N, C-alpha and C. Protein backbone atom coordinates (compact mmCIF):
# COMPACT_ATOMS: atom_id res chain seq x y z
N MET A 1 -35.37 2.36 9.04
CA MET A 1 -34.89 3.02 10.25
C MET A 1 -34.82 4.53 9.95
N ASP A 2 -35.42 5.32 10.81
CA ASP A 2 -35.41 6.76 10.56
C ASP A 2 -34.10 7.40 11.01
N GLN A 3 -33.93 8.65 10.60
CA GLN A 3 -32.67 9.38 10.84
C GLN A 3 -32.38 9.54 12.33
N ILE A 4 -33.39 9.82 13.14
CA ILE A 4 -33.18 10.03 14.58
C ILE A 4 -32.67 8.74 15.23
N SER A 5 -33.26 7.62 14.86
CA SER A 5 -32.83 6.34 15.42
C SER A 5 -31.39 6.02 15.00
N ARG A 6 -31.05 6.29 13.75
CA ARG A 6 -29.67 6.05 13.28
C ARG A 6 -28.68 6.91 14.02
N ASN A 7 -29.02 8.19 14.24
CA ASN A 7 -28.12 9.09 14.96
C ASN A 7 -27.95 8.64 16.40
N SER A 8 -29.02 8.19 17.04
CA SER A 8 -28.92 7.71 18.43
C SER A 8 -28.03 6.48 18.51
N ARG A 9 -28.19 5.58 17.59
CA ARG A 9 -27.35 4.37 17.59
C ARG A 9 -25.89 4.71 17.34
N LEU A 10 -25.65 5.65 16.42
CA LEU A 10 -24.28 6.08 16.13
C LEU A 10 -23.66 6.72 17.37
N ARG A 11 -24.41 7.59 18.03
CA ARG A 11 -23.89 8.25 19.25
C ARG A 11 -23.51 7.22 20.30
N ILE A 12 -24.39 6.27 20.56
CA ILE A 12 -24.12 5.27 21.61
C ILE A 12 -22.95 4.38 21.20
N PHE A 13 -22.91 3.94 19.96
CA PHE A 13 -21.82 3.10 19.48
C PHE A 13 -20.47 3.80 19.64
N LEU A 14 -20.40 5.06 19.20
CA LEU A 14 -19.15 5.80 19.30
C LEU A 14 -18.79 6.12 20.74
N LEU A 15 -19.78 6.39 21.57
CA LEU A 15 -19.50 6.65 22.98
C LEU A 15 -18.91 5.41 23.66
N VAL A 16 -19.44 4.25 23.35
CA VAL A 16 -18.91 3.00 23.91
C VAL A 16 -17.47 2.80 23.46
N ILE A 17 -17.19 3.09 22.20
CA ILE A 17 -15.83 2.96 21.68
C ILE A 17 -14.88 3.92 22.40
N VAL A 18 -15.31 5.17 22.59
CA VAL A 18 -14.45 6.16 23.25
C VAL A 18 -14.20 5.77 24.70
N VAL A 19 -15.22 5.32 25.42
CA VAL A 19 -15.04 4.93 26.82
C VAL A 19 -14.12 3.72 26.92
N ALA A 20 -14.31 2.72 26.05
CA ALA A 20 -13.42 1.55 26.04
C ALA A 20 -11.99 1.98 25.72
N HIS A 21 -11.84 2.87 24.76
CA HIS A 21 -10.52 3.39 24.39
C HIS A 21 -9.84 4.05 25.59
N LEU A 22 -10.60 4.85 26.34
CA LEU A 22 -10.01 5.54 27.49
C LEU A 22 -9.56 4.55 28.58
N PHE A 23 -10.35 3.51 28.80
CA PHE A 23 -9.93 2.49 29.77
C PHE A 23 -8.64 1.80 29.31
N ILE A 24 -8.57 1.48 28.04
CA ILE A 24 -7.37 0.83 27.50
C ILE A 24 -6.17 1.77 27.58
N VAL A 25 -6.37 3.05 27.25
CA VAL A 25 -5.29 4.03 27.33
C VAL A 25 -4.78 4.15 28.76
N ALA A 26 -5.69 4.21 29.73
CA ALA A 26 -5.29 4.32 31.13
C ALA A 26 -4.52 3.07 31.57
N TRP A 27 -5.03 1.90 31.24
CA TRP A 27 -4.36 0.64 31.61
C TRP A 27 -2.98 0.56 30.95
N HIS A 28 -2.90 0.93 29.69
CA HIS A 28 -1.64 0.89 28.97
C HIS A 28 -0.66 1.92 29.54
N GLY A 29 -1.17 3.09 29.91
CA GLY A 29 -0.33 4.12 30.51
C GLY A 29 0.27 3.68 31.83
N VAL A 30 -0.53 3.00 32.65
CA VAL A 30 -0.02 2.48 33.93
C VAL A 30 1.07 1.44 33.67
N SER A 31 0.85 0.61 32.65
CA SER A 31 1.89 -0.38 32.30
C SER A 31 3.19 0.30 31.91
N HIS A 32 3.08 1.37 31.15
CA HIS A 32 4.28 2.10 30.74
C HIS A 32 4.99 2.74 31.93
N LEU A 33 4.24 3.16 32.92
CA LEU A 33 4.87 3.74 34.11
C LEU A 33 5.56 2.68 34.96
N GLN A 34 4.98 1.48 35.03
CA GLN A 34 5.53 0.42 35.87
C GLN A 34 6.76 -0.23 35.25
N ILE A 35 6.86 -0.27 33.94
CA ILE A 35 7.96 -1.00 33.30
C ILE A 35 9.32 -0.37 33.54
N PRO A 36 9.69 0.83 33.45
CA PRO A 36 9.10 1.99 32.80
C PRO A 36 9.53 2.12 31.35
N VAL A 37 8.67 2.74 30.58
CA VAL A 37 8.97 3.04 29.18
C VAL A 37 8.88 4.56 29.04
N PRO A 38 10.02 5.23 28.92
CA PRO A 38 9.98 6.69 28.82
C PRO A 38 9.50 7.14 27.44
N LEU A 39 8.79 8.26 27.43
CA LEU A 39 8.35 8.87 26.19
C LEU A 39 9.01 10.23 26.05
N SER A 40 9.26 10.62 24.82
CA SER A 40 9.80 11.96 24.59
C SER A 40 8.69 12.98 24.85
N MET A 41 9.05 14.24 24.91
CA MET A 41 8.05 15.29 25.12
C MET A 41 7.04 15.31 23.98
N LEU A 42 7.51 15.14 22.75
CA LEU A 42 6.61 15.11 21.60
C LEU A 42 5.65 13.92 21.67
N GLN A 43 6.16 12.76 22.07
CA GLN A 43 5.30 11.59 22.23
C GLN A 43 4.27 11.81 23.34
N MET A 44 4.69 12.41 24.44
CA MET A 44 3.74 12.68 25.53
C MET A 44 2.66 13.66 25.09
N LEU A 45 3.03 14.67 24.31
CA LEU A 45 2.03 15.60 23.79
C LEU A 45 1.06 14.89 22.85
N PHE A 46 1.57 14.02 22.01
CA PHE A 46 0.71 13.27 21.10
C PHE A 46 -0.27 12.40 21.88
N VAL A 47 0.24 11.69 22.87
CA VAL A 47 -0.62 10.83 23.69
C VAL A 47 -1.68 11.66 24.41
N GLY A 48 -1.25 12.77 24.99
CA GLY A 48 -2.19 13.60 25.74
C GLY A 48 -3.25 14.24 24.88
N ILE A 49 -2.84 14.75 23.72
CA ILE A 49 -3.79 15.50 22.88
C ILE A 49 -4.56 14.57 21.94
N VAL A 50 -3.83 13.84 21.10
CA VAL A 50 -4.49 13.07 20.04
C VAL A 50 -5.13 11.79 20.58
N ILE A 51 -4.43 11.08 21.43
CA ILE A 51 -4.94 9.78 21.89
C ILE A 51 -5.95 9.93 23.02
N THR A 52 -5.76 10.90 23.90
CA THR A 52 -6.66 11.04 25.05
C THR A 52 -7.72 12.12 24.85
N LEU A 53 -7.32 13.32 24.50
CA LEU A 53 -8.24 14.46 24.49
C LEU A 53 -9.16 14.49 23.27
N LEU A 54 -8.64 14.27 22.08
CA LEU A 54 -9.47 14.39 20.87
C LEU A 54 -10.66 13.43 20.83
N PRO A 55 -10.52 12.16 21.25
CA PRO A 55 -11.72 11.32 21.29
C PRO A 55 -12.80 11.85 22.25
N LEU A 56 -12.37 12.44 23.36
CA LEU A 56 -13.34 13.02 24.30
C LEU A 56 -14.06 14.22 23.68
N ILE A 57 -13.31 15.06 22.99
CA ILE A 57 -13.92 16.21 22.32
C ILE A 57 -14.89 15.71 21.24
N GLY A 58 -14.47 14.71 20.48
CA GLY A 58 -15.36 14.13 19.46
C GLY A 58 -16.62 13.55 20.07
N ALA A 59 -16.49 12.88 21.21
CA ALA A 59 -17.67 12.31 21.89
C ALA A 59 -18.61 13.41 22.34
N ALA A 60 -18.07 14.50 22.85
CA ALA A 60 -18.92 15.62 23.27
C ALA A 60 -19.64 16.22 22.07
N MET A 61 -18.97 16.27 20.94
CA MET A 61 -19.57 16.83 19.73
C MET A 61 -20.74 15.99 19.21
N LEU A 62 -20.81 14.73 19.61
CA LEU A 62 -21.88 13.86 19.13
C LEU A 62 -23.26 14.34 19.57
N TRP A 63 -23.32 15.11 20.63
CA TRP A 63 -24.60 15.61 21.13
C TRP A 63 -24.84 17.07 20.76
N THR A 64 -24.17 17.52 19.73
CA THR A 64 -24.37 18.86 19.21
C THR A 64 -24.79 18.74 17.75
N LYS A 65 -24.92 19.88 17.09
CA LYS A 65 -25.25 19.84 15.66
C LYS A 65 -24.07 19.37 14.82
N TYR A 66 -22.93 19.15 15.46
CA TYR A 66 -21.70 18.71 14.77
C TYR A 66 -21.48 17.21 14.92
N LEU A 67 -22.55 16.44 14.85
CA LEU A 67 -22.48 14.98 14.99
C LEU A 67 -21.49 14.36 14.00
N ASN A 68 -21.61 14.72 12.73
CA ASN A 68 -20.73 14.12 11.72
C ASN A 68 -19.26 14.49 11.95
N GLN A 69 -19.01 15.75 12.30
CA GLN A 69 -17.64 16.18 12.55
C GLN A 69 -17.07 15.47 13.78
N GLY A 70 -17.90 15.28 14.80
CA GLY A 70 -17.47 14.55 15.99
C GLY A 70 -17.12 13.11 15.67
N ALA A 71 -17.95 12.47 14.84
CA ALA A 71 -17.68 11.09 14.43
C ALA A 71 -16.36 11.02 13.66
N TRP A 72 -16.14 11.97 12.77
CA TRP A 72 -14.89 11.99 12.00
C TRP A 72 -13.69 12.28 12.89
N LEU A 73 -13.87 13.15 13.89
CA LEU A 73 -12.77 13.43 14.82
C LEU A 73 -12.39 12.18 15.60
N ILE A 74 -13.39 11.44 16.05
CA ILE A 74 -13.13 10.19 16.77
C ILE A 74 -12.41 9.20 15.85
N ALA A 75 -12.92 9.04 14.64
CA ALA A 75 -12.30 8.09 13.70
C ALA A 75 -10.86 8.48 13.38
N THR A 76 -10.63 9.75 13.16
CA THR A 76 -9.28 10.22 12.84
C THR A 76 -8.33 10.03 14.01
N ALA A 77 -8.79 10.37 15.21
CA ALA A 77 -7.95 10.22 16.41
C ALA A 77 -7.66 8.74 16.67
N MET A 78 -8.64 7.87 16.46
CA MET A 78 -8.42 6.44 16.67
C MET A 78 -7.43 5.89 15.66
N PHE A 79 -7.54 6.34 14.41
CA PHE A 79 -6.59 5.88 13.39
C PHE A 79 -5.18 6.38 13.70
N ALA A 80 -5.07 7.63 14.13
CA ALA A 80 -3.76 8.17 14.52
C ALA A 80 -3.19 7.41 15.71
N SER A 81 -4.05 7.06 16.66
CA SER A 81 -3.63 6.27 17.83
C SER A 81 -3.10 4.91 17.39
N PHE A 82 -3.81 4.28 16.47
CA PHE A 82 -3.39 2.98 15.95
C PHE A 82 -2.02 3.07 15.29
N LEU A 83 -1.85 4.08 14.43
CA LEU A 83 -0.56 4.25 13.76
C LEU A 83 0.56 4.54 14.75
N PHE A 84 0.29 5.38 15.75
CA PHE A 84 1.29 5.69 16.78
C PHE A 84 1.72 4.42 17.50
N GLY A 85 0.75 3.61 17.91
CA GLY A 85 1.06 2.36 18.59
C GLY A 85 1.81 1.39 17.71
N LEU A 86 1.38 1.27 16.48
CA LEU A 86 2.03 0.37 15.53
C LEU A 86 3.48 0.77 15.32
N ILE A 87 3.71 2.04 15.08
CA ILE A 87 5.07 2.53 14.83
C ILE A 87 5.94 2.40 16.08
N ASN A 88 5.42 2.80 17.23
CA ASN A 88 6.23 2.83 18.44
C ASN A 88 6.40 1.47 19.12
N HIS A 89 5.53 0.53 18.83
CA HIS A 89 5.68 -0.80 19.42
C HIS A 89 6.38 -1.79 18.49
N PHE A 90 6.18 -1.62 17.19
CA PHE A 90 6.70 -2.61 16.25
C PHE A 90 7.60 -2.01 15.18
N GLY A 91 7.73 -0.71 15.17
CA GLY A 91 8.50 -0.06 14.12
C GLY A 91 9.73 0.62 14.65
N VAL A 92 9.81 1.88 14.35
CA VAL A 92 10.97 2.68 14.72
C VAL A 92 11.04 2.84 16.23
N ASN A 93 12.20 2.58 16.79
CA ASN A 93 12.39 2.77 18.22
C ASN A 93 13.12 4.10 18.41
N VAL A 94 12.34 5.15 18.72
CA VAL A 94 12.91 6.49 18.89
C VAL A 94 13.24 6.68 20.37
N PRO A 95 14.48 6.94 20.71
CA PRO A 95 14.82 7.14 22.13
C PRO A 95 14.19 8.41 22.67
N ALA A 96 13.84 8.37 23.95
CA ALA A 96 13.26 9.54 24.61
C ALA A 96 14.33 10.62 24.77
N VAL A 97 13.92 11.84 24.62
CA VAL A 97 14.86 12.97 24.74
C VAL A 97 14.75 13.56 26.13
């Protein structure tokens, strides 16, 4: 498999992951509004920037010369999202300020 084909497959794979992630984030956010589950200002900033915005920026970077950095940004943001969810759903219960 040549380099161009590998890059195209990587771009499409990561784009599918980012789009699926955004649908899940939106669905989960609506659930939090309906229950309601309040978030602190710091938690809202984390959700807005790290969980929502950074994967989109990483996806956009996939079509530039910064393909590898975009892939790493997506991976890092997804891992941070996972840790945030794990901690806030099953770990420390920090009251909203």
